[in-house]
């Protein structure tokens, strides 16, 4: 995924893929092993903030610069 990000090839698809992967990973961790997370169940808040950052960077910020 790093090469995909750096190459900027289909960056919107890349951003959507990143958001889905982060979302699924954190939901699974939230449900299955919350005790292993650094902030336990509160970790989902940071995941949502990170997903929002990816969304803002790809779909809002890039639209302004183009």
PDB file of N, CA and C in Angstrom:
ATOM      1  N   UNK A   1       0.824  -1.183   0.000  1.00  0.00           N
ATOM      2  CA  UNK A   1       0.000   0.000   0.000  1.00  0.00           C
ATOM      3  C   UNK A   1       0.877   1.259   0.000  1.00  0.00           C
ATOM      4  N   UNK A   2       2.068   1.169   0.565  1.00  0.00           N
ATOM      5  CA  UNK A   2       2.977   2.317   0.567  1.00  0.00           C
ATOM      6  C   UNK A   2       3.338   2.728  -0.852  1.00  0.00           C
ATOM      7  N   UNK A   3       3.647   1.761  -1.691  1.00  0.00           N
ATOM      8  CA  UNK A   3       3.984   2.053  -3.087  1.00  0.00           C
ATOM      9  C   UNK A   3       2.778   2.660  -3.786  1.00  0.00           C
ATOM     10  N   UNK A   4       1.609   2.154  -3.485  1.00  0.00           N
ATOM     11  CA  UNK A   4       0.372   2.669  -4.067  1.00  0.00           C
ATOM     12  C   UNK A   4       0.165   4.132  -3.659  1.00  0.00           C
ATOM     13  N   UNK A   5       0.439   4.463  -2.418  1.00  0.00           N
ATOM     14  CA  UNK A   5       0.296   5.838  -1.937  1.00  0.00           C
ATOM     15  C   UNK A   5       1.320   6.742  -2.609  1.00  0.00           C
ATOM     16  N   UNK A   6       2.558   6.311  -2.629  1.00  0.00           N
ATOM     17  CA  UNK A   6       3.629   7.136  -3.200  1.00  0.00           C
ATOM     18  C   UNK A   6       3.494   7.317  -4.705  1.00  0.00           C
ATOM     19  N   UNK A   7       2.946   6.332  -5.395  1.00  0.00           N
ATOM     20  CA  UNK A   7       2.796   6.442  -6.842  1.00  0.00           C
ATOM     21  C   UNK A   7       1.615   7.321  -7.232  1.00  0.00           C
ATOM     22  N   UNK A   8       0.689   7.540  -6.281  1.00  0.00           N
ATOM     23  CA  UNK A   8      -0.497   8.363  -6.508  1.00  0.00           C
ATOM     24  C   UNK A   8      -1.397   7.783  -7.603  1.00  0.00           C
ATOM     25  N   UNK A   9      -1.301   6.497  -7.838  1.00  0.00           N
ATOM     26  CA  UNK A   9      -2.115   5.803  -8.828  1.00  0.00           C
ATOM     27  C   UNK A   9      -3.481   5.518  -8.219  1.00  0.00           C
ATOM     28  N   UNK A  10      -4.528   6.014  -8.841  1.00  0.00           N
ATOM     29  CA  UNK A  10      -5.906   5.846  -8.358  1.00  0.00           C
ATOM     30  C   UNK A  10      -5.994   6.137  -6.864  1.00  0.00           C
ATOM     31  N   UNK A  11      -5.636   7.365  -6.497  1.00  0.00           N
ATOM     32  CA  UNK A  11      -5.528   7.724  -5.087  1.00  0.00           C
ATOM     33  C   UNK A  11      -6.870   7.669  -4.353  1.00  0.00           C
ATOM     34  N   UNK A  12      -7.962   7.926  -5.052  1.00  0.00           N
ATOM     35  CA  UNK A  12      -9.272   7.849  -4.378  1.00  0.00           C
ATOM     36  C   UNK A  12      -9.611   6.407  -4.010  1.00  0.00           C
ATOM     37  N   UNK A  13      -9.347   5.487  -4.905  1.00  0.00           N
ATOM     38  CA  UNK A  13      -9.570   4.078  -4.602  1.00  0.00           C
ATOM     39  C   UNK A  13      -8.670   3.639  -3.450  1.00  0.00           C
ATOM     40  N   UNK A  14      -7.455   4.130  -3.448  1.00  0.00           N
ATOM     41  CA  UNK A  14      -6.516   3.833  -2.372  1.00  0.00           C
ATOM     42  C   UNK A  14      -7.042   4.352  -1.039  1.00  0.00           C
ATOM     43  N   UNK A  15      -7.546   5.574  -1.014  1.00  0.00           N
ATOM     44  CA  UNK A  15      -8.075   6.148   0.222  1.00  0.00           C
ATOM     45  C   UNK A  15      -9.275   5.355   0.726  1.00  0.00           C
ATOM     46  N   UNK A  16     -10.159   4.979  -0.170  1.00  0.00           N
ATOM     47  CA  UNK A  16     -11.327   4.181   0.221  1.00  0.00           C
ATOM     48  C   UNK A  16     -10.883   2.840   0.780  1.00  0.00           C
ATOM     49  N   UNK A  17      -9.910   2.209   0.132  1.00  0.00           N
ATOM     50  CA  UNK A  17      -9.390   0.928   0.606  1.00  0.00           C
ATOM     51  C   UNK A  17      -8.778   1.069   1.995  1.00  0.00           C
ATOM     52  N   UNK A  18      -8.011   2.120   2.199  1.00  0.00           N
ATOM     53  CA  UNK A  18      -7.413   2.362   3.513  1.00  0.00           C
ATOM     54  C   UNK A  18      -8.484   2.538   4.582  1.00  0.00           C
ATOM     55  N   UNK A  19      -9.510   3.336   4.277  1.00  0.00           N
ATOM     56  CA  UNK A  19     -10.567   3.579   5.257  1.00  0.00           C
ATOM     57  C   UNK A  19     -11.306   2.292   5.607  1.00  0.00           C
ATOM     58  N   UNK A  20     -11.584   1.465   4.610  1.00  0.00           N
ATOM     59  CA  UNK A  20     -12.290   0.204   4.856  1.00  0.00           C
ATOM     60  C   UNK A  20     -11.424  -0.744   5.678  1.00  0.00           C
ATOM     61  N   UNK A  21     -10.161  -0.866   5.332  1.00  0.00           N
ATOM     62  CA  UNK A  21      -9.261  -1.769   6.058  1.00  0.00           C
ATOM     63  C   UNK A  21      -9.119  -1.327   7.515  1.00  0.00           C
ATOM     64  N   UNK A  22      -8.909  -0.043   7.748  1.00  0.00           N
ATOM     65  CA  UNK A  22      -8.772   0.470   9.112  1.00  0.00           C
ATOM     66  C   UNK A  22     -10.061   0.265   9.887  1.00  0.00           C
ATOM     67  N   UNK A  23     -11.196   0.522   9.242  1.00  0.00           N
ATOM     68  CA  UNK A  23     -12.482   0.341   9.905  1.00  0.00           C
ATOM     69  C   UNK A  23     -12.724  -1.103  10.301  1.00  0.00           C
ATOM     70  N   UNK A  24     -12.534  -2.022   9.363  1.00  0.00           N
ATOM     71  CA  UNK A  24     -12.756  -3.451   9.646  1.00  0.00           C
ATOM     72  C   UNK A  24     -11.798  -3.946  10.725  1.00  0.00           C
ATOM     73  N   UNK A  25     -10.525  -3.566  10.604  1.00  0.00           N
ATOM     74  CA  UNK A  25      -9.526  -4.004  11.578  1.00  0.00           C
ATOM     75  C   UNK A  25      -9.905  -3.535  12.984  1.00  0.00           C
ATOM     76  N   UNK A  26     -10.316  -2.286  13.110  1.00  0.00           N
ATOM     77  CA  UNK A  26     -10.634  -1.758  14.430  1.00  0.00           C
ATOM     78  C   UNK A  26     -11.939  -2.307  14.986  1.00  0.00           C
ATOM     79  N   UNK A  27     -12.903  -2.563  14.143  1.00  0.00           N
ATOM     80  CA  UNK A  27     -14.146  -3.178  14.616  1.00  0.00           C
ATOM     81  C   UNK A  27     -13.870  -4.589  15.131  1.00  0.00           C
ATOM     82  N   UNK A  28     -13.062  -5.347  14.394  1.00  0.00           N
ATOM     83  CA  UNK A  28     -12.708  -6.695  14.849  1.00  0.00           C
ATOM     84  C   UNK A  28     -11.947  -6.654  16.175  1.00  0.00           C
ATOM     85  N   UNK A  29     -10.993  -5.735  16.291  1.00  0.00           N
ATOM     86  CA  UNK A  29     -10.249  -5.602  17.538  1.00  0.00           C
ATOM     87  C   UNK A  29     -11.175  -5.181  18.676  1.00  0.00           C
ATOM     88  N   UNK A  30     -12.086  -4.271  18.398  1.00  0.00           N
ATOM     89  CA  UNK A  30     -13.035  -3.783  19.397  1.00  0.00           C
ATOM     90  C   UNK A  30     -13.885  -4.929  19.932  1.00  0.00           C
ATOM     91  N   UNK A  31     -14.323  -5.802  19.044  1.00  0.00           N
ATOM     92  CA  UNK A  31     -15.205  -6.899  19.437  1.00  0.00           C
ATOM     93  C   UNK A  31     -14.460  -8.093  20.035  1.00  0.00           C
ATOM     94  N   UNK A  32     -13.293  -8.413  19.489  1.00  0.00           N
ATOM     95  CA  UNK A  32     -12.623  -9.658  19.863  1.00  0.00           C
ATOM     96  C   UNK A  32     -11.563  -9.522  20.956  1.00  0.00           C
ATOM     97  N   UNK A  33     -10.754  -8.475  20.891  1.00  0.00           N
ATOM     98  CA  UNK A  33      -9.633  -8.365  21.846  1.00  0.00           C
ATOM     99  C   UNK A  33      -9.453  -6.935  22.360  1.00  0.00           C
ATOM    100  N   UNK A  34     -10.457  -6.321  22.943  1.00  0.00           N
ATOM    101  CA  UNK A  34     -10.295  -4.940  23.407  1.00  0.00           C
ATOM    102  C   UNK A  34      -9.238  -4.799  24.503  1.00  0.00           C
ATOM    103  N   UNK A  35      -8.999  -5.857  25.265  1.00  0.00           N
ATOM    104  CA  UNK A  35      -8.020  -5.793  26.343  1.00  0.00           C
ATOM    105  C   UNK A  35      -6.583  -5.669  25.830  1.00  0.00           C
ATOM    106  N   UNK A  36      -6.345  -6.002  24.570  1.00  0.00           N
ATOM    107  CA  UNK A  36      -4.994  -5.906  24.009  1.00  0.00           C
ATOM    108  C   UNK A  36      -4.697  -4.539  23.401  1.00  0.00           C
ATOM    109  N   UNK A  37      -5.715  -3.721  23.238  1.00  0.00           N
ATOM    110  CA  UNK A  37      -5.531  -2.399  22.649  1.00  0.00           C
ATOM    111  C   UNK A  37      -4.978  -1.425  23.684  1.00  0.00           C
ATOM    112  N   UNK A  38      -4.238  -0.444  23.223  1.00  0.00           N
ATOM    113  CA  UNK A  38      -3.598   0.509  24.126  1.00  0.00           C
ATOM    114  C   UNK A  38      -4.618   1.249  24.986  1.00  0.00           C
ATOM    115  N   UNK A  39      -5.708   1.706  24.355  1.00  0.00           N
ATOM    116  CA  UNK A  39      -6.750   2.426  25.092  1.00  0.00           C
ATOM    117  C   UNK A  39      -8.030   1.608  25.171  1.00  0.00           C
ATOM    118  N   UNK A  40      -7.917   0.316  25.092  1.00  0.00           N
ATOM    119  CA  UNK A  40      -9.035  -0.624  25.111  1.00  0.00           C
ATOM    120  C   UNK A  40     -10.132  -0.198  24.135  1.00  0.00           C
ATOM    121  N   UNK A  41     -11.364  -0.086  24.566  1.00  0.00           N
ATOM    122  CA  UNK A  41     -12.475   0.215  23.650  1.00  0.00           C
ATOM    123  C   UNK A  41     -12.443   1.664  23.153  1.00  0.00           C
ATOM    124  N   UNK A  42     -11.736   2.530  23.852  1.00  0.00           N
ATOM    125  CA  UNK A  42     -11.612   3.926  23.444  1.00  0.00           C
ATOM    126  C   UNK A  42     -10.771   4.069  22.172  1.00  0.00           C
ATOM    127  N   UNK A  43     -10.064   3.031  21.806  1.00  0.00           N
ATOM    128  CA  UNK A  43      -9.215   3.028  20.612  1.00  0.00           C
ATOM    129  C   UNK A  43     -10.017   3.293  19.330  1.00  0.00           C
ATOM    130  N   UNK A  44     -11.283   2.923  19.325  1.00  0.00           N
ATOM    131  CA  UNK A  44     -12.133   3.114  18.141  1.00  0.00           C
ATOM    132  C   UNK A  44     -12.263   4.601  17.804  1.00  0.00           C
ATOM    133  N   UNK A  45     -12.196   5.460  18.811  1.00  0.00           N
ATOM    134  CA  UNK A  45     -12.283   6.908  18.576  1.00  0.00           C
ATOM    135  C   UNK A  45     -11.097   7.372  17.737  1.00  0.00           C
ATOM    136  N   UNK A  46      -9.915   6.888  18.048  1.00  0.00           N
ATOM    137  CA  UNK A  46      -8.724   7.262  17.291  1.00  0.00           C
ATOM    138  C   UNK A  46      -8.782   6.704  15.872  1.00  0.00           C
ATOM    139  N   UNK A  47      -9.349   5.527  15.709  1.00  0.00           N
ATOM    140  CA  UNK A  47      -9.507   4.953  14.372  1.00  0.00           C
ATOM    141  C   UNK A  47     -10.449   5.806  13.537  1.00  0.00           C
ATOM    142  N   UNK A  48     -11.552   6.239  14.128  1.00  0.00           N
ATOM    143  CA  UNK A  48     -12.503   7.089  13.403  1.00  0.00           C
ATOM    144  C   UNK A  48     -11.857   8.432  13.049  1.00  0.00           C
ATOM    145  N   UNK A  49     -11.070   8.979  13.952  1.00  0.00           N
ATOM    146  CA  UNK A  49     -10.367  10.236  13.661  1.00  0.00           C
ATOM    147  C   UNK A  49      -9.373  10.047  12.514  1.00  0.00           C
ATOM    148  N   UNK A  50      -8.679   8.912  12.491  1.00  0.00           N
ATOM    149  CA  UNK A  50      -7.722   8.632  11.416  1.00  0.00           C
ATOM    150  C   UNK A  50      -8.438   8.451  10.082  1.00  0.00           C
ATOM    151  N   UNK A  51      -9.576   7.770  10.093  1.00  0.00           N
ATOM    152  CA  UNK A  51     -10.372   7.600   8.876  1.00  0.00           C
ATOM    153  C   UNK A  51     -10.854   8.961   8.385  1.00  0.00           C
ATOM    154  N   UNK A  52     -11.270   9.820   9.301  1.00  0.00           N
ATOM    155  CA  UNK A  52     -11.703  11.175   8.928  1.00  0.00           C
ATOM    156  C   UNK A  52     -10.554  11.974   8.331  1.00  0.00           C
ATOM    157  N   UNK A  53      -9.355  11.796   8.860  1.00  0.00           N
ATOM    158  CA  UNK A  53      -8.177  12.482   8.313  1.00  0.00           C
ATOM    159  C   UNK A  53      -7.878  12.022   6.892  1.00  0.00           C
ATOM    160  N   UNK A  54      -7.961  10.738   6.645  1.00  0.00           N
ATOM    161  CA  UNK A  54      -7.742  10.206   5.299  1.00  0.00           C
ATOM    162  C   UNK A  54      -8.796  10.758   4.342  1.00  0.00           C
ATOM    163  N   UNK A  55     -10.053  10.752   4.782  1.00  0.00           N
ATOM    164  CA  UNK A  55     -11.144  11.274   3.959  1.00  0.00           C
ATOM    165  C   UNK A  55     -10.917  12.750   3.635  1.00  0.00           C
ATOM    166  N   UNK A  56     -10.601  13.538   4.644  1.00  0.00           N
ATOM    167  CA  UNK A  56     -10.382  14.975   4.442  1.00  0.00           C
ATOM    168  C   UNK A  56      -9.213  15.224   3.489  1.00  0.00           C
ATOM    169  N   UNK A  57      -8.126  14.503   3.683  1.00  0.00           N
ATOM    170  CA  UNK A  57      -6.947  14.683   2.844  1.00  0.00           C
ATOM    171  C   UNK A  57      -7.232  14.347   1.383  1.00  0.00           C
ATOM    172  N   UNK A  58      -7.934  13.276   1.134  1.00  0.00           N
ATOM    173  CA  UNK A  58      -8.138  12.822  -0.245  1.00  0.00           C
ATOM    174  C   UNK A  58      -9.307  13.517  -0.935  1.00  0.00           C
ATOM    175  N   UNK A  59     -10.420  13.683  -0.244  1.00  0.00           N
ATOM    176  CA  UNK A  59     -11.630  14.141  -0.912  1.00  0.00           C
ATOM    177  C   UNK A  59     -11.918  15.624  -0.732  1.00  0.00           C
ATOM    178  N   UNK A  60     -11.383  16.259   0.285  1.00  0.00           N
ATOM    179  CA  UNK A  60     -11.639  17.684   0.509  1.00  0.00           C
ATOM    180  C   UNK A  60     -10.425  18.535   0.165  1.00  0.00           C
ATOM    181  N   UNK A  61      -9.279  18.172   0.700  1.00  0.00           N
ATOM    182  CA  UNK A  61      -8.068  18.964   0.517  1.00  0.00           C
ATOM    183  C   UNK A  61      -7.577  18.931  -0.927  1.00  0.00           C
ATOM    184  N   UNK A  62      -7.591  17.773  -1.558  1.00  0.00           N
ATOM    185  CA  UNK A  62      -7.127  17.665  -2.934  1.00  0.00           C
ATOM    186  C   UNK A  62      -8.052  18.389  -3.897  1.00  0.00           C
ATOM    187  N   UNK A  63      -9.350  18.454  -3.578  1.00  0.00           N
ATOM    188  CA  UNK A  63     -10.290  19.144  -4.443  1.00  0.00           C
ATOM    189  C   UNK A  63      -9.982  20.644  -4.473  1.00  0.00           C
ATOM    190  N   UNK A  64      -9.570  21.192  -3.328  1.00  0.00           N
ATOM    191  CA  UNK A  64      -9.230  22.618  -3.254  1.00  0.00           C
ATOM    192  C   UNK A  64      -7.966  22.954  -4.025  1.00  0.00           C
ATOM    193  N   UNK A  65      -6.988  22.050  -4.014  1.00  0.00           N
ATOM    194  CA  UNK A  65      -5.712  22.334  -4.653  1.00  0.00           C
ATOM    195  C   UNK A  65      -5.742  22.127  -6.151  1.00  0.00           C
ATOM    196  N   UNK A  66      -6.756  21.432  -6.671  1.00  0.00           N
ATOM    197  CA  UNK A  66      -6.785  21.159  -8.112  1.00  0.00           C
ATOM    198  C   UNK A  66      -7.433  22.243  -8.862  1.00  0.00           C
TER     199      UNK A  66
END
